[in-house]
Every structure is written in C-alpha cells, then in structure tokens.
C-alpha atoms as a PDB file:
ATOM      1  CA  UNK A   1       0.076  -0.015  -0.081  1.00  0.00           C
ATOM      2  CA  UNK A   2       1.249   3.482  -0.882  1.00  0.00           C
ATOM      3  CA  UNK A   3       1.917   6.020   1.907  1.00  0.00           C
ATOM      4  CA  UNK A   4      -0.378   8.804   2.434  1.00  0.00           C
ATOM      5  CA  UNK A   5       0.362  12.318   0.761  1.00  0.00           C
ATOM      6  CA  UNK A   6      -0.532  15.602   2.124  1.00  0.00           C
ATOM      7  CA  UNK A   7      -1.523  18.907   0.218  1.00  0.00           C
ATOM      8  CA  UNK A   8      -1.453  21.917   2.468  1.00  0.00           C
ATOM      9  CA  UNK A   9      -3.593  24.847   1.250  1.00  0.00           C
ATOM     10  CA  UNK A  10      -3.313  28.536   1.987  1.00  0.00           C
ATOM     11  CA  UNK A  11      -6.979  29.258   1.816  1.00  0.00           C
ATOM     12  CA  UNK A  12     -10.283  28.410  -0.139  1.00  0.00           C
ATOM     13  CA  UNK A  13      -9.035  29.421  -3.495  1.00  0.00           C
ATOM     14  CA  UNK A  14      -5.941  27.001  -3.189  1.00  0.00           C
ATOM     15  CA  UNK A  15      -8.390  24.215  -2.077  1.00  0.00           C
ATOM     16  CA  UNK A  16     -10.642  24.662  -4.958  1.00  0.00           C
ATOM     17  CA  UNK A  17      -7.552  24.822  -7.233  1.00  0.00           C
ATOM     18  CA  UNK A  18      -6.656  21.306  -5.928  1.00  0.00           C
ATOM     19  CA  UNK A  19      -9.937  20.224  -7.115  1.00  0.00           C
ATOM     20  CA  UNK A  20      -9.479  21.775 -10.488  1.00  0.00           C
ATOM     21  CA  UNK A  21      -6.151  20.011 -10.867  1.00  0.00           C
ATOM     22  CA  UNK A  22      -7.882  16.654 -10.000  1.00  0.00           C
ATOM     23  CA  UNK A  23     -10.731  17.000 -12.334  1.00  0.00           C
ATOM     24  CA  UNK A  24      -9.014  16.217 -15.672  1.00  0.00           C
ATOM     25  CA  UNK A  25      -7.559  13.027 -14.086  1.00  0.00           C
ATOM     26  CA  UNK A  26     -10.900  11.570 -13.149  1.00  0.00           C
ATOM     27  CA  UNK A  27     -12.609   8.702 -15.102  1.00  0.00           C
ATOM     28  CA  UNK A  28     -16.093   7.219 -14.660  1.00  0.00           C
ATOM     29  CA  UNK A  29     -15.925   5.045 -11.521  1.00  0.00           C
ATOM     30  CA  UNK A  30     -13.518   6.991  -9.492  1.00  0.00           C
ATOM     31  CA  UNK A  31     -14.495   7.554  -5.982  1.00  0.00           C
ATOM     32  CA  UNK A  32     -13.137  10.014  -3.371  1.00  0.00           C
ATOM     33  CA  UNK A  33     -14.353   9.539   0.367  1.00  0.00           C
ATOM     34  CA  UNK A  34     -14.247  13.123   1.819  1.00  0.00           C
ATOM     35  CA  UNK A  35     -13.911  13.545   5.734  1.00  0.00           C
ATOM     36  CA  UNK A  36     -13.242  16.414   7.895  1.00  0.00           C
ATOM     37  CA  UNK A  37     -14.871  18.834  10.407  1.00  0.00           C
ATOM     38  CA  UNK A  38     -17.636  21.285   9.190  1.00  0.00           C
ATOM     39  CA  UNK A  39     -16.099  24.180   7.338  1.00  0.00           C
ATOM     40  CA  UNK A  40     -12.744  22.043   6.599  1.00  0.00           C
ATOM     41  CA  UNK A  41     -12.927  22.120   2.792  1.00  0.00           C
ATOM     42  CA  UNK A  42     -14.883  19.171   1.509  1.00  0.00           C
ATOM     43  CA  UNK A  43     -17.379  21.278  -0.271  1.00  0.00           C
ATOM     44  CA  UNK A  44     -14.816  23.652  -1.515  1.00  0.00           C
ATOM     45  CA  UNK A  45     -12.646  20.992  -3.232  1.00  0.00           C
ATOM     46  CA  UNK A  46     -15.877  19.623  -4.791  1.00  0.00           C
ATOM     47  CA  UNK A  47     -16.607  23.043  -6.286  1.00  0.00           C
ATOM     48  CA  UNK A  48     -13.380  23.059  -8.017  1.00  0.00           C
ATOM     49  CA  UNK A  49     -13.732  19.511  -9.375  1.00  0.00           C
ATOM     50  CA  UNK A  50     -17.077  20.407 -10.550  1.00  0.00           C
ATOM     51  CA  UNK A  51     -16.049  23.835 -12.301  1.00  0.00           C
ATOM     52  CA  UNK A  52     -12.972  22.109 -14.078  1.00  0.00           C
ATOM     53  CA  UNK A  53     -15.595  19.277 -15.258  1.00  0.00           C
ATOM     54  CA  UNK A  54     -17.709  21.959 -16.783  1.00  0.00           C
ATOM     55  CA  UNK A  55     -20.483  21.955 -14.301  1.00  0.00           C
ATOM     56  CA  UNK A  56     -22.463  25.287 -14.749  1.00  0.00           C
ATOM     57  CA  UNK A  57     -25.014  25.238 -11.932  1.00  0.00           C
ATOM     58  CA  UNK A  58     -23.773  26.216  -8.574  1.00  0.00           C
ATOM     59  CA  UNK A  59     -22.411  23.538  -6.219  1.00  0.00           C
ATOM     60  CA  UNK A  60     -23.459  23.357  -2.683  1.00  0.00           C
ATOM     61  CA  UNK A  61     -23.142  20.597  -0.159  1.00  0.00           C
ATOM     62  CA  UNK A  62     -26.294  18.284  -0.464  1.00  0.00           C
ATOM     63  CA  UNK A  63     -26.907  17.816   3.110  1.00  0.00           C
ATOM     64  CA  UNK A  64     -30.705  17.709   2.814  1.00  0.00           C
ATOM     65  CA  UNK A  65     -30.747  16.016  -0.559  1.00  0.00           C
ATOM     66  CA  UNK A  66     -28.153  13.368   0.286  1.00  0.00           C
ATOM     67  CA  UNK A  67     -27.042  13.404  -3.336  1.00  0.00           C
ATOM     68  CA  UNK A  68     -27.069  15.628  -6.306  1.00  0.00           C
ATOM     69  CA  UNK A  69     -25.853  14.828  -9.879  1.00  0.00           C
ATOM     70  CA  UNK A  70     -24.219  17.649 -11.683  1.00  0.00           C
ATOM     71  CA  UNK A  71     -23.666  17.194 -15.480  1.00  0.00           C
ATOM     72  CA  UNK A  72     -20.326  18.092 -16.744  1.00  0.00           C
ATOM     73  CA  UNK A  73     -17.631  16.455 -19.050  1.00  0.00           C
ATOM     74  CA  UNK A  74     -18.431  13.450 -16.945  1.00  0.00           C
ATOM     75  CA  UNK A  75     -21.417  13.268 -14.298  1.00  0.00           C
ATOM     76  CA  UNK A  76     -20.492  14.359 -10.888  1.00  0.00           C
ATOM     77  CA  UNK A  77     -22.247  12.429  -8.129  1.00  0.00           C
ATOM     78  CA  UNK A  78     -21.832  14.685  -4.959  1.00  0.00           C
ATOM     79  CA  UNK A  79     -22.972  12.933  -1.736  1.00  0.00           C
ATOM     80  CA  UNK A  80     -23.514  14.171   1.843  1.00  0.00           C
ATOM     81  CA  UNK A  81     -24.151  11.282   4.070  1.00  0.00           C
ATOM     82  CA  UNK A  82     -23.958  13.170   7.213  1.00  0.00           C
ATOM     83  CA  UNK A  83     -27.697  12.828   7.949  1.00  0.00           C
ATOM     84  CA  UNK A  84     -28.080   9.224   7.402  1.00  0.00           C
ATOM     85  CA  UNK A  85     -28.268   7.078  10.668  1.00  0.00           C
ATOM     86  CA  UNK A  86     -26.998   3.898   9.462  1.00  0.00           C
ATOM     87  CA  UNK A  87     -25.125   2.137   6.455  1.00  0.00           C
ATOM     88  CA  UNK A  88     -28.502   0.422   5.612  1.00  0.00           C
ATOM     89  CA  UNK A  89     -30.021   3.659   4.346  1.00  0.00           C
ATOM     90  CA  UNK A  90     -27.415   3.809   1.664  1.00  0.00           C
ATOM     91  CA  UNK A  91     -29.346   1.364  -0.155  1.00  0.00           C
ATOM     92  CA  UNK A  92     -32.550   3.646  -0.300  1.00  0.00           C
ATOM     93  CA  UNK A  93     -30.469   6.121  -2.263  1.00  0.00           C
ATOM     94  CA  UNK A  94     -28.858   3.408  -4.425  1.00  0.00           C
ATOM     95  CA  UNK A  95     -25.336   4.224  -3.163  1.00  0.00           C
ATOM     96  CA  UNK A  96     -23.530   1.202  -4.549  1.00  0.00           C
ATOM     97  CA  UNK A  97     -25.344   1.675  -7.981  1.00  0.00           C
ATOM     98  CA  UNK A  98     -24.264   5.276  -8.213  1.00  0.00           C
ATOM     99  CA  UNK A  99     -20.641   4.597  -7.332  1.00  0.00           C
ATOM    100  CA  UNK A 100     -20.483   2.215 -10.145  1.00  0.00           C
ATOM    101  CA  UNK A 101     -22.461   4.341 -12.795  1.00  0.00           C
ATOM    102  CA  UNK A 102     -20.984   6.376 -15.397  1.00  0.00           C
ATOM    103  CA  UNK A 103     -19.689   9.474 -13.417  1.00  0.00           C
ATOM    104  CA  UNK A 104     -17.239  10.152 -10.617  1.00  0.00           C
ATOM    105  CA  UNK A 105     -18.506  10.107  -7.035  1.00  0.00           C
ATOM    106  CA  UNK A 106     -17.466  12.571  -4.248  1.00  0.00           C
ATOM    107  CA  UNK A 107     -18.832  11.539  -0.794  1.00  0.00           C
ATOM    108  CA  UNK A 108     -18.916  14.175   1.920  1.00  0.00           C
ATOM    109  CA  UNK A 109     -18.674  12.512   5.541  1.00  0.00           C
ATOM    110  CA  UNK A 110     -17.905   9.152   3.733  1.00  0.00           C
ATOM    111  CA  UNK A 111     -15.998   7.962   6.625  1.00  0.00           C
ATOM    112  CA  UNK A 112     -19.332   7.680   8.726  1.00  0.00           C
ATOM    113  CA  UNK A 113     -19.932   4.169   7.591  1.00  0.00           C
ATOM    114  CA  UNK A 114     -16.496   2.305   7.078  1.00  0.00           C
ATOM    115  CA  UNK A 115     -18.442  -0.663   5.513  1.00  0.00           C
ATOM    116  CA  UNK A 116     -19.473   1.769   2.488  1.00  0.00           C
ATOM    117  CA  UNK A 117     -15.853   2.773   1.568  1.00  0.00           C
ATOM    118  CA  UNK A 118     -14.995   1.002  -1.624  1.00  0.00           C
ATOM    119  CA  UNK A 119     -11.787  -1.039  -2.039  1.00  0.00           C
ATOM    120  CA  UNK A 120     -10.869   1.148  -4.997  1.00  0.00           C
ATOM    121  CA  UNK A 121     -10.974   4.928  -3.928  1.00  0.00           C
ATOM    122  CA  UNK A 122      -9.115   7.850  -2.482  1.00  0.00           C
ATOM    123  CA  UNK A 123      -9.692   8.764   1.059  1.00  0.00           C
ATOM    124  CA  UNK A 124      -9.473  12.661   1.547  1.00  0.00           C
ATOM    125  CA  UNK A 125      -9.045  13.901   5.031  1.00  0.00           C
ATOM    126  CA  UNK A 126      -9.463  17.504   5.648  1.00  0.00           C
ATOM    127  CA  UNK A 127      -7.958  19.104   8.832  1.00  0.00           C
ATOM    128  CA  UNK A 128      -8.308  22.859   9.792  1.00  0.00           C
ATOM    129  CA  UNK A 129      -4.733  24.146  10.665  1.00  0.00           C
ATOM    130  CA  UNK A 130      -5.666  28.011  10.698  1.00  0.00           C
ATOM    131  CA  UNK A 131      -8.124  30.403   9.944  1.00  0.00           C
ATOM    132  CA  UNK A 132      -7.713  29.764   6.147  1.00  0.00           C
ATOM    133  CA  UNK A 133      -5.240  26.987   6.098  1.00  0.00           C
ATOM    134  CA  UNK A 134      -6.027  23.270   5.649  1.00  0.00           C
ATOM    135  CA  UNK A 135      -4.124  20.095   5.450  1.00  0.00           C
ATOM    136  CA  UNK A 136      -5.512  17.489   2.936  1.00  0.00           C
ATOM    137  CA  UNK A 137      -4.389  14.046   3.517  1.00  0.00           C
ATOM    138  CA  UNK A 138      -4.608  11.631   0.527  1.00  0.00           C
ATOM    139  CA  UNK A 139      -4.748   7.937   1.314  1.00  0.00           C
ATOM    140  CA  UNK A 140      -5.091   5.735  -1.872  1.00  0.00           C
ATOM    141  CA  UNK A 141      -7.039   2.449  -1.870  1.00  0.00           C
ATOM    142  CA  UNK A 142      -6.322  -0.091  -4.668  1.00  0.00           C
ATOM    143  CA  UNK A 143      -4.450   0.334  -7.809  1.00  0.00           C
ATOM    144  CA  UNK A 144      -6.640   3.112  -9.330  1.00  0.00           C
ATOM    145  CA  UNK A 145      -6.603   4.985  -5.905  1.00  0.00           C
ATOM    146  CA  UNK A 146      -2.808   4.865  -5.903  1.00  0.00           C
ATOM    147  CA  UNK A 147      -2.212   6.053  -9.606  1.00  0.00           C
ATOM    148  CA  UNK A 148      -4.799   8.948  -9.078  1.00  0.00           C
ATOM    149  CA  UNK A 149      -2.894  10.145  -5.853  1.00  0.00           C
ATOM    150  CA  UNK A 150       0.285  10.076  -7.671  1.00  0.00           C
ATOM    151  CA  UNK A 151      -1.259  11.946 -10.550  1.00  0.00           C
ATOM    152  CA  UNK A 152      -2.980  14.490  -8.335  1.00  0.00           C
ATOM    153  CA  UNK A 153      -0.016  15.299  -6.196  1.00  0.00           C
ATOM    154  CA  UNK A 154       2.084  15.822  -9.405  1.00  0.00           C
ATOM    155  CA  UNK A 155      -0.699  18.063 -10.899  1.00  0.00           C
ATOM    156  CA  UNK A 156      -0.861  20.130  -7.515  1.00  0.00           C
ATOM    157  CA  UNK A 157       3.099  20.580  -7.303  1.00  0.00           C
ATOM    158  CA  UNK A 158       2.869  23.942  -9.280  1.00  0.00           C
ATOM    159  CA  UNK A 159      -0.357  25.219  -7.755  1.00  0.00           C
ATOM    160  CA  UNK A 160      -0.277  28.640  -6.150  1.00  0.00           C
ATOM    161  CA  UNK A 161      -0.946  28.440  -2.323  1.00  0.00           C
ATOM    162  CA  UNK A 162      -0.409  24.645  -2.261  1.00  0.00           C
ATOM    163  CA  UNK A 163       2.419  22.789  -0.482  1.00  0.00           C
ATOM    164  CA  UNK A 164       2.788  19.215  -1.397  1.00  0.00           C
ATOM    165  CA  UNK A 165       4.313  16.389   0.880  1.00  0.00           C
ATOM    166  CA  UNK A 166       4.438  13.361  -1.253  1.00  0.00           C
ATOM    167  CA  UNK A 167       4.462   9.749   0.464  1.00  0.00           C
ATOM    168  CA  UNK A 168       7.189   7.163   0.341  1.00  0.00           C
ATOM    169  CA  UNK A 169       7.413   5.452  -3.149  1.00  0.00           C
ATOM    170  CA  UNK A 170       5.397   8.227  -4.888  1.00  0.00           C
END
C-alpha cells in the first residue's frame, strides 16, 4: 500500500484549485471519500472539481438532498451522508449503483460508515490548521486510487498556495 500524501492549502482558492487539478484526471467510476470537520474544505474541493468538469450550476453541499448529480464532461455524483443514521440507508439512495455508474463520486462524510468505503478509492481527510489553511491527507485504496493520488499530487505541485508532501514511493 502506498503511503499517504499531504496537500497543504493557504485558503479556499487554493483548495478549489486542488479540485480543479484533480478533475482532468478523473474517469467514470472514480470515488473520493471526503472527511473532516464542518468548514474544513470538502465542498470547496468539490466546487473546484465541478468547475473543471464543466458543471455550470452552483455546487453546494447536498446535506438535505443526500445526493446531487451535476452534469459536466462526466457526471459528478456529489453525496453528503452526514444525515444518514445507518449504512443500511445507503441502499435507499442506490449508493452502490451510483458509485458504479457513469460518473465520478465525491462522498462528503464518507467515513461515517466504514463498510461503505469501496476497495478502490481515495480517502481525502481535511484538517483545519488555521483560519484559512487546511491540510488535505490523501490515502489511496487499490491500484486506481494509488495512480490517481500520484497524478493528483504531481498536478498540484505547481499550484499557487499549495504545498505538497509526497509519501514514500511516490
């Protein structure tokens, strides 16, 4: 298993830029599990991904909807599972079918139900380190997760306001 990597961002703009750098690397079936406190940057990253995928409507956290689909170069399935009480409720929203569908999935609060984390994904943990600064830890799962993290870290290496710490073997 590849070691985790860390992106340190200097503010919301830099966090969104990390999402913009990620978007061109995404292919249908990719899944990112986003975790972190309220206001840590999960939706901010998703906004950057959406913009770079060509999504034109505003992107907000789907807290009350649980999931929104945004149309772009490839569909963006944006989940927020904070309000679900159990992993069994994921069946009600066709969680697994959606993850395997024709788009990419970003799952806010995706760490709430460990049994719902797919074997192939990237776990993205956000930590608030200051008023504006964030630390974004990237943990790859599976071969596709490892390849995606390597490419994402490389893409972010020249981003303004982003400091990259690559894991061993990257």
